[in-house]
């Protein structure tokens, strides 16, 4: 029955998974905040032009993967397939160019119609950062170092590899494109239909092809490094020197490219083989012409995005649930006092769950089932004497505690 199933490529996040998702997002946010980044939340849908204009009419995202619909007012809207374009739109809409650089953090769901597979969904979550207004190569060092610190904070430092490349300046890229097209035209008969279609419109995207025949052709293709001008070499050398100064290990991957025209200079990915085949968990690069392409002033930019679901899969286990305090009233007459005490403890910062079973035995079984660290028992005698019985659920010991001293007692087992 369709009404009881999730849509293909989506899933429900139950409490255990939601805690792990929140752990990843909050770790990213805490790390970014230490670097001076402020959080920006954009709408989950934008005018379709925001993505079609920036991602390119010929990209797979635009032609095959976007969720686009016409609203009741006749506007074409699209659920965001990524968030860099939305962040740049917000940057322009809110006149943030007057105060540069802008350090921006974001998180939230994205949407792409693609074949669901391990760690890849049609509704998925990302965290990311964008640094707008920093032309210096140290801007690239900053966002890469921030990413490395974030992944290390998740305990993934020994599971990831930083792969690095340079796309060079626009001039270097144009020179390389000409060399690449000449090479690919000579091997046109061996290319897949998709790559032949891309040959005229976006040949760099052929380097991303997973088709086996394409991969055989690509293996002999010229590399972009041979087309770099001196300024591009100096820029990339400065990025590598900055990473070396921070002792962040990295390796060169000359096939690591971005197919979109606004990318330039540094491109990078953090990859892992801990999920089976090598996969990317975080990727980014420099995009100095994107703001201008969207109608704004010339503004350099660099940033990255990470797939939260893939990072969740890399985690050894789900984030543990907080162990609550179980509040147990021994009778209906004591429920009011127990409710007031539960509210008082919640306001003091404790997590308190109220029991509803009819007997003390059933309520204690419930307290064990929810993983309570303490049970606070309120009966008629306790109400009369302004005390509570506190039972340590691990040790099995219990004691009476004056209500005036209860917070002090709870602090010892927090």
Protein backbone atom coordinates (compact mmCIF):
# COMPACT_ATOMS: atom_id res chain seq x y z
CA UNK A 1 0.00 0.00 0.00
CA UNK A 2 1.58 3.26 -1.18
CA UNK A 3 0.25 5.20 1.79
CA UNK A 4 2.46 3.26 4.23
CA UNK A 5 5.69 3.28 2.20
CA UNK A 6 8.32 5.98 1.84
CA UNK A 7 8.96 7.35 -1.64
CA UNK A 8 11.87 5.62 -3.37
CA UNK A 9 15.13 7.29 -2.46
CA UNK A 10 13.84 8.69 0.83
CA UNK A 11 13.81 7.29 4.34
CA UNK A 12 12.52 7.99 7.81
CA UNK A 13 15.08 9.06 10.38
CA UNK A 14 14.11 7.41 13.65
CA UNK A 15 15.49 8.70 16.98
CA UNK A 16 18.82 6.81 16.90
CA UNK A 17 19.63 7.95 13.34
CA UNK A 18 18.37 11.45 14.04
CA UNK A 19 20.80 11.71 16.94
CA UNK A 20 23.69 10.69 14.67
CA UNK A 21 22.61 13.14 11.98
CA UNK A 22 22.42 15.89 14.58
CA UNK A 23 25.86 14.90 15.89
CA UNK A 24 27.38 15.31 12.41
CA UNK A 25 25.62 18.62 11.79
CA UNK A 26 26.44 20.05 15.20
CA UNK A 27 30.08 18.97 14.94
CA UNK A 28 30.31 20.78 11.60
CA UNK A 29 28.63 23.85 13.06
CA UNK A 30 30.83 23.98 16.17
CA UNK A 31 33.94 23.65 14.01
CA UNK A 32 32.84 26.33 11.54
CA UNK A 33 31.86 28.69 14.36
CA UNK A 34 35.38 28.46 15.80
CA UNK A 35 36.67 29.68 12.46
CA UNK A 36 34.31 32.66 12.50
CA UNK A 37 31.60 31.32 10.18
CA UNK A 38 27.97 32.34 10.64
CA UNK A 39 25.05 30.11 9.75
CA UNK A 40 22.79 31.01 6.81
CA UNK A 41 19.58 29.08 6.10
CA UNK A 42 18.17 29.42 2.59
CA UNK A 43 14.77 28.15 1.37
CA UNK A 44 14.69 24.53 0.22
CA UNK A 45 13.35 25.73 -3.15
CA UNK A 46 14.46 28.56 -5.40
CA UNK A 47 13.48 29.91 -8.79
CA UNK A 48 14.68 27.32 -11.30
CA UNK A 49 16.90 29.91 -12.94
CA UNK A 50 19.14 30.02 -9.84
CA UNK A 51 20.30 26.46 -10.54
CA UNK A 52 19.92 26.30 -14.34
CA UNK A 53 21.99 29.46 -14.71
CA UNK A 54 24.80 28.33 -12.43
CA UNK A 55 24.94 24.57 -12.96
CA UNK A 56 24.53 24.86 -16.73
CA UNK A 57 21.76 23.72 -19.04
CA UNK A 58 23.84 20.72 -20.14
CA UNK A 59 24.80 19.39 -16.73
CA UNK A 60 23.36 16.08 -15.50
CA UNK A 61 21.96 17.83 -12.45
CA UNK A 62 19.87 20.21 -14.57
CA UNK A 63 18.91 17.80 -17.35
CA UNK A 64 18.28 14.63 -15.30
CA UNK A 65 18.23 15.19 -11.55
CA UNK A 66 16.39 18.35 -10.53
CA UNK A 67 12.94 18.29 -8.95
CA UNK A 68 11.29 21.16 -10.83
CA UNK A 69 7.65 22.16 -10.69
CA UNK A 70 5.38 25.05 -11.57
CA UNK A 71 3.65 26.66 -8.61
CA UNK A 72 0.11 28.03 -8.58
CA UNK A 73 1.39 31.42 -9.67
CA UNK A 74 3.04 29.99 -12.77
CA UNK A 75 6.62 30.33 -11.53
CA UNK A 76 9.09 27.53 -12.22
CA UNK A 77 10.59 26.43 -8.89
CA UNK A 78 13.18 23.78 -8.06
CA UNK A 79 13.98 21.92 -4.86
CA UNK A 80 17.62 22.71 -4.19
CA UNK A 81 19.97 20.02 -5.58
CA UNK A 82 22.94 21.75 -3.90
CA UNK A 83 23.33 24.91 -1.86
CA UNK A 84 26.25 26.95 -3.23
CA UNK A 85 23.97 28.63 -5.79
CA UNK A 86 21.39 29.38 -3.08
CA UNK A 87 24.04 30.85 -0.78
CA UNK A 88 25.34 33.10 -3.57
CA UNK A 89 21.76 34.16 -4.37
CA UNK A 90 21.29 35.04 -0.67
CA UNK A 91 24.64 36.89 -0.73
CA UNK A 92 23.34 39.06 -3.56
CA UNK A 93 19.74 39.40 -2.34
CA UNK A 94 20.88 40.67 1.05
CA UNK A 95 23.64 42.99 -0.23
CA UNK A 96 26.38 41.17 1.67
CA UNK A 97 29.03 42.19 -0.86
CA UNK A 98 29.55 45.45 1.04
CA UNK A 99 31.22 43.53 3.87
CA UNK A 100 33.85 41.09 2.68
CA UNK A 101 34.97 38.47 3.31
CA UNK A 102 31.77 36.61 4.17
CA UNK A 103 32.20 33.32 6.04
CA UNK A 104 29.03 31.23 5.71
CA UNK A 105 28.02 27.84 7.10
CA UNK A 106 24.90 25.92 6.03
CA UNK A 107 23.15 22.62 6.63
CA UNK A 108 19.95 20.96 5.51
CA UNK A 109 18.24 18.66 3.00
CA UNK A 110 18.98 18.63 -0.73
CA UNK A 111 17.05 16.86 -3.49
CA UNK A 112 18.21 15.02 -6.61
CA UNK A 113 16.40 12.49 -8.77
CA UNK A 114 19.09 9.84 -9.19
CA UNK A 115 19.43 6.12 -8.74
CA UNK A 116 19.37 5.41 -4.99
CA UNK A 117 22.40 3.51 -3.72
CA UNK A 118 24.40 3.05 -0.56
CA UNK A 119 24.81 6.43 1.09
CA UNK A 120 23.09 8.23 -1.79
CA UNK A 121 19.42 9.21 -1.56
CA UNK A 122 17.03 11.42 -3.47
CA UNK A 123 16.48 13.47 -0.35
CA UNK A 124 19.81 13.77 1.42
CA UNK A 125 21.51 16.13 3.84
CA UNK A 126 24.58 18.29 3.47
CA UNK A 127 26.70 20.56 5.62
CA UNK A 128 28.98 23.07 3.96
CA UNK A 129 30.88 26.32 4.11
CA UNK A 130 31.42 29.15 1.65
CA UNK A 131 34.14 31.81 1.92
CA UNK A 132 33.24 34.75 -0.30
CA UNK A 133 35.61 37.65 -0.98
CA UNK A 134 38.98 35.96 -0.36
CA UNK A 135 41.16 35.84 -3.47
CA UNK A 136 44.26 34.74 -1.55
CA UNK A 137 45.28 31.05 -1.76
CA UNK A 138 45.18 31.06 2.04
CA UNK A 139 41.39 31.19 1.63
CA UNK A 140 41.57 27.72 0.09
CA UNK A 141 43.88 26.60 2.88
CA UNK A 142 41.33 27.85 5.41
CA UNK A 143 38.34 25.95 4.06
CA UNK A 144 40.35 22.75 3.56
CA UNK A 145 41.81 22.96 7.07
CA UNK A 146 38.34 23.60 8.47
CA UNK A 147 37.07 20.49 6.67
CA UNK A 148 39.98 18.42 7.98
CA UNK A 149 39.31 19.63 11.53
CA UNK A 150 35.62 18.78 11.20
CA UNK A 151 36.30 15.25 9.95
CA UNK A 152 38.91 14.70 12.65
CA UNK A 153 36.38 15.83 15.28
CA UNK A 154 34.10 13.05 14.02
CA UNK A 155 36.93 10.57 14.61
CA UNK A 156 37.47 9.97 10.89
CA UNK A 157 41.04 11.26 10.48
CA UNK A 158 42.42 7.76 9.85
CA UNK A 159 39.64 6.84 7.39
CA UNK A 160 39.98 9.70 4.91
CA UNK A 161 42.43 10.90 2.27
CA UNK A 162 42.67 14.48 1.00
CA UNK A 163 43.04 14.54 -2.78
CA UNK A 164 44.05 17.82 -4.36
CA UNK A 165 44.31 19.32 -7.83
CA UNK A 166 44.38 22.67 -9.58
CA UNK A 167 42.25 23.78 -12.50
CA UNK A 168 44.37 26.89 -12.93
CA UNK A 169 43.17 30.27 -14.15
CA UNK A 170 40.44 30.76 -16.74
CA UNK A 171 43.15 31.18 -19.38
CA UNK A 172 44.90 27.95 -18.36
CA UNK A 173 41.61 26.11 -18.36
CA UNK A 174 40.75 27.37 -21.86
CA UNK A 175 44.14 26.24 -23.14
CA UNK A 176 43.66 22.82 -21.58
CA UNK A 177 40.15 22.51 -22.94
CA UNK A 178 41.48 22.98 -26.48
CA UNK A 179 44.14 20.28 -25.95
CA UNK A 180 41.61 17.90 -24.41
CA UNK A 181 39.08 18.36 -27.23
CA UNK A 182 41.76 17.66 -29.85
CA UNK A 183 42.69 14.46 -28.03
CA UNK A 184 39.09 13.30 -27.50
CA UNK A 185 38.11 14.03 -31.10
CA UNK A 186 40.89 11.69 -32.19
CA UNK A 187 39.28 8.94 -30.07
CA UNK A 188 35.65 9.92 -30.67
CA UNK A 189 34.65 6.46 -31.93
CA UNK A 190 35.56 4.92 -28.56
CA UNK A 191 33.56 7.38 -26.45
CA UNK A 192 30.15 6.66 -24.93
CA UNK A 193 27.09 8.49 -26.36
CA UNK A 194 26.94 10.72 -23.27
CA UNK A 195 30.57 11.74 -23.67
CA UNK A 196 30.14 12.44 -27.37
CA UNK A 197 27.27 14.77 -26.45
CA UNK A 198 29.50 16.50 -23.90
CA UNK A 199 32.43 16.85 -26.29
CA UNK A 200 31.17 20.11 -27.74
CA UNK A 201 29.39 21.53 -24.72
CA UNK A 202 31.41 20.56 -21.65
CA UNK A 203 34.38 18.30 -22.45
CA UNK A 204 35.91 18.49 -18.96
CA UNK A 205 32.94 16.55 -17.64
CA UNK A 206 34.06 13.57 -19.72
CA UNK A 207 36.93 13.20 -17.24
CA UNK A 208 34.31 12.34 -14.58
CA UNK A 209 32.79 9.55 -16.68
CA UNK A 210 32.45 6.11 -15.07
CA UNK A 211 31.91 4.36 -18.41
CA UNK A 212 34.65 1.73 -18.91
CA UNK A 213 35.27 2.67 -22.53
CA UNK A 214 35.52 6.35 -21.58
CA UNK A 215 37.91 5.50 -18.74
CA UNK A 216 40.23 3.73 -21.17
CA UNK A 217 40.32 6.82 -23.39
CA UNK A 218 40.75 9.19 -20.46
CA UNK A 219 43.76 7.24 -19.19
CA UNK A 220 45.83 8.62 -22.06
CA UNK A 221 44.38 12.14 -22.09
CA UNK A 222 46.60 15.20 -21.57
CA UNK A 223 46.72 16.52 -18.01
CA UNK A 224 45.74 20.03 -17.04
CA UNK A 225 49.05 20.67 -15.26
CA UNK A 226 50.79 20.84 -18.66
CA UNK A 227 48.61 23.84 -19.57
CA UNK A 228 49.07 25.87 -16.37
CA UNK A 229 50.46 29.38 -16.60
CA UNK A 230 53.01 30.62 -14.09
CA UNK A 231 50.47 32.50 -11.92
CA UNK A 232 48.39 29.33 -11.57
CA UNK A 233 51.44 27.31 -10.54
CA UNK A 234 52.37 29.90 -7.92
CA UNK A 235 48.80 29.97 -6.57
CA UNK A 236 48.63 26.20 -6.19
CA UNK A 237 52.10 26.00 -4.65
CA UNK A 238 50.94 28.48 -1.98
CA UNK A 239 47.93 26.27 -1.18
CA UNK A 240 50.14 23.20 -0.79
CA UNK A 241 52.62 25.14 1.37
CA UNK A 242 49.80 26.26 3.65
CA UNK A 243 48.55 22.70 4.08
CA UNK A 244 52.09 21.50 4.75
CA UNK A 245 52.49 24.22 7.41
CA UNK A 246 49.40 22.81 9.13
CA UNK A 247 50.68 19.24 8.68
CA UNK A 248 47.57 18.23 6.76
CA UNK A 249 48.51 15.26 4.53
CA UNK A 250 47.38 15.40 0.92
CA UNK A 251 48.07 13.76 -2.40
CA UNK A 252 47.86 15.01 -5.97
CA UNK A 253 45.08 13.68 -8.20
CA UNK A 254 45.45 15.16 -11.68
CA UNK A 255 42.11 13.68 -12.78
CA UNK A 256 40.19 15.54 -10.08
CA UNK A 257 38.23 18.17 -11.99
CA UNK A 258 35.04 20.17 -11.82
CA UNK A 259 32.99 20.31 -15.02
CA UNK A 260 31.35 23.67 -14.36
CA UNK A 261 32.89 26.72 -16.00
CA UNK A 262 32.94 28.89 -12.88
CA UNK A 263 35.42 26.63 -11.05
CA UNK A 264 39.09 27.56 -11.10
CA UNK A 265 42.36 26.93 -9.27
CA UNK A 266 42.03 24.60 -6.26
CA UNK A 267 39.73 21.60 -6.28
CA UNK A 268 39.74 18.96 -3.56
CA UNK A 269 37.99 15.91 -2.16
CA UNK A 270 38.19 13.93 1.05
CA UNK A 271 37.74 10.30 0.05
CA UNK A 272 37.46 6.99 1.89
CA UNK A 273 37.56 3.29 1.08
CA UNK A 274 35.86 2.40 4.37
CA UNK A 275 32.48 2.20 2.61
CA UNK A 276 33.63 -0.43 0.12
CA UNK A 277 34.59 1.18 -3.17
CA UNK A 278 36.40 4.48 -2.84
CA UNK A 279 33.89 7.24 -2.25
CA UNK A 280 33.85 10.96 -1.68
CA UNK A 281 32.52 12.24 1.65
CA UNK A 282 33.42 15.93 1.27
CA UNK A 283 34.29 17.94 -1.84
CA UNK A 284 34.95 21.53 -2.74
CA UNK A 285 36.90 24.04 -4.73
CA UNK A 286 37.36 27.64 -5.81
CA UNK A 287 34.70 29.38 -7.92
CA UNK A 288 35.86 32.95 -8.61
CA UNK A 289 33.35 33.74 -11.39
CA UNK A 290 30.12 32.35 -9.90
CA UNK A 291 28.92 35.56 -8.20
CA UNK A 292 29.53 37.52 -11.38
CA UNK A 293 27.78 34.84 -13.43
CA UNK A 294 24.70 35.35 -11.23
CA UNK A 295 24.69 39.08 -11.91
CA UNK A 296 26.75 40.33 -8.97
CA UNK A 297 30.09 42.07 -8.70
CA UNK A 298 33.29 40.13 -9.36
CA UNK A 299 33.77 38.25 -6.07
CA UNK A 300 36.12 35.33 -5.48
CA UNK A 301 34.74 32.33 -3.62
CA UNK A 302 35.78 28.96 -2.26
CA UNK A 303 34.02 26.32 -0.18
CA UNK A 304 32.93 22.74 0.26
CA UNK A 305 29.95 20.49 0.95
CA UNK A 306 29.80 17.15 2.78
CA UNK A 307 27.18 14.42 2.55
CA UNK A 308 25.81 13.81 6.03
CA UNK A 309 24.45 10.33 5.28
CA UNK A 310 27.86 9.11 4.12
CA UNK A 311 29.49 10.53 7.23
CA UNK A 312 26.85 8.80 9.35
CA UNK A 313 27.77 5.50 7.69
CA UNK A 314 31.43 6.06 8.55
CA UNK A 315 30.60 6.51 12.21
CA UNK A 316 31.31 3.41 14.27
CA UNK A 317 27.95 3.54 16.00
CA UNK A 318 24.90 5.72 16.47
CA UNK A 319 25.24 8.68 18.78
CA UNK A 320 24.19 7.52 22.26
CA UNK A 321 20.89 8.67 23.65
CA UNK A 322 20.97 10.90 26.71
CA UNK A 323 19.99 8.89 29.77
CA UNK A 324 16.94 10.50 31.32
CA UNK A 325 15.64 10.73 34.86
CA UNK A 326 12.45 8.69 35.33
CA UNK A 327 9.83 10.50 37.41
CA UNK A 328 7.50 8.05 39.17
CA UNK A 329 4.37 8.99 41.09
CA UNK A 330 3.10 6.19 43.36
CA UNK A 331 -0.52 7.28 43.17
CA UNK A 332 -2.88 9.66 41.45
CA UNK A 333 -2.83 11.96 44.49
CA UNK A 334 0.93 12.42 44.11
CA UNK A 335 0.90 13.06 40.35
CA UNK A 336 0.56 16.83 40.77
CA UNK A 337 3.62 17.01 43.02
CA UNK A 338 5.56 14.75 40.64
CA UNK A 339 4.60 16.86 37.62
CA UNK A 340 5.75 20.04 39.38
CA UNK A 341 9.02 18.41 40.40
CA UNK A 342 9.62 17.16 36.83
CA UNK A 343 9.06 20.67 35.47
CA UNK A 344 11.44 22.14 38.05
CA UNK A 345 14.19 19.69 37.07
CA UNK A 346 13.69 20.27 33.33
CA UNK A 347 14.01 24.00 33.88
CA UNK A 348 17.27 23.25 35.70
CA UNK A 349 18.56 21.48 32.57
CA UNK A 350 17.77 17.83 33.28
CA UNK A 351 16.05 15.43 30.88
CA UNK A 352 13.04 14.01 32.73
CA UNK A 353 10.51 11.45 31.48
CA UNK A 354 7.22 10.91 33.30
CA UNK A 355 5.95 7.39 33.94
CA UNK A 356 2.33 6.43 33.27
CA UNK A 357 2.12 2.80 34.42
CA UNK A 358 -0.22 1.86 37.26
CA UNK A 359 2.22 0.14 39.63
CA UNK A 360 5.72 0.79 40.95
CA UNK A 361 6.96 -2.53 39.51
CA UNK A 362 5.74 -1.69 35.99
CA UNK A 363 7.13 1.82 36.22
CA UNK A 364 10.55 0.52 37.26
CA UNK A 365 10.55 -1.87 34.30
CA UNK A 366 9.69 1.09 32.08
CA UNK A 367 12.53 3.12 33.64
CA UNK A 368 14.96 0.32 32.79
CA UNK A 369 13.62 0.06 29.24
CA UNK A 370 14.15 3.77 28.50
CA UNK A 371 17.69 3.62 29.94
CA UNK A 372 17.05 5.94 32.88
CA UNK A 373 20.12 6.69 34.99
CA UNK A 374 18.00 7.61 38.02
CA UNK A 375 14.43 7.10 39.12
CA UNK A 376 12.80 9.68 41.38
CA UNK A 377 9.91 8.18 43.32
CA UNK A 378 7.23 10.42 44.78
CA UNK A 379 4.74 8.82 47.18
CA UNK A 380 2.40 10.18 49.87
CA UNK A 381 5.07 9.96 52.59
CA UNK A 382 7.61 11.78 50.40
CA UNK A 383 5.12 14.58 49.68
CA UNK A 384 4.32 15.00 53.39
CA UNK A 385 8.02 15.29 54.31
CA UNK A 386 9.15 17.32 51.28
CA UNK A 387 11.61 14.65 50.15
CA UNK A 388 12.03 12.35 47.16
CA UNK A 389 13.36 8.82 46.90
CA UNK A 390 16.22 8.71 44.38
CA UNK A 391 17.18 5.31 43.01
CA UNK A 392 20.43 4.79 41.09
CA UNK A 393 19.35 2.50 38.27
CA UNK A 394 22.84 1.12 37.69
CA UNK A 395 23.88 0.47 41.29
CA UNK A 396 20.41 -0.41 42.56
CA UNK A 397 20.92 1.76 45.67
CA UNK A 398 18.41 4.38 46.73
CA UNK A 399 18.24 7.20 49.22
CA UNK A 400 15.89 9.89 50.43
CA UNK A 401 16.88 13.41 49.45
CA UNK A 402 15.36 16.68 50.63
CA UNK A 403 13.74 18.58 47.78
CA UNK A 404 15.88 21.59 48.73
CA UNK A 405 19.04 19.53 48.06
CA UNK A 406 17.79 17.54 45.08
CA UNK A 407 19.61 19.49 42.32
CA UNK A 408 22.86 19.21 44.28
CA UNK A 409 22.38 15.45 44.56
CA UNK A 410 21.56 15.06 40.87
CA UNK A 411 24.66 17.01 39.87
CA UNK A 412 26.83 14.25 41.38
CA UNK A 413 25.53 11.70 38.86
CA UNK A 414 25.02 13.93 35.85
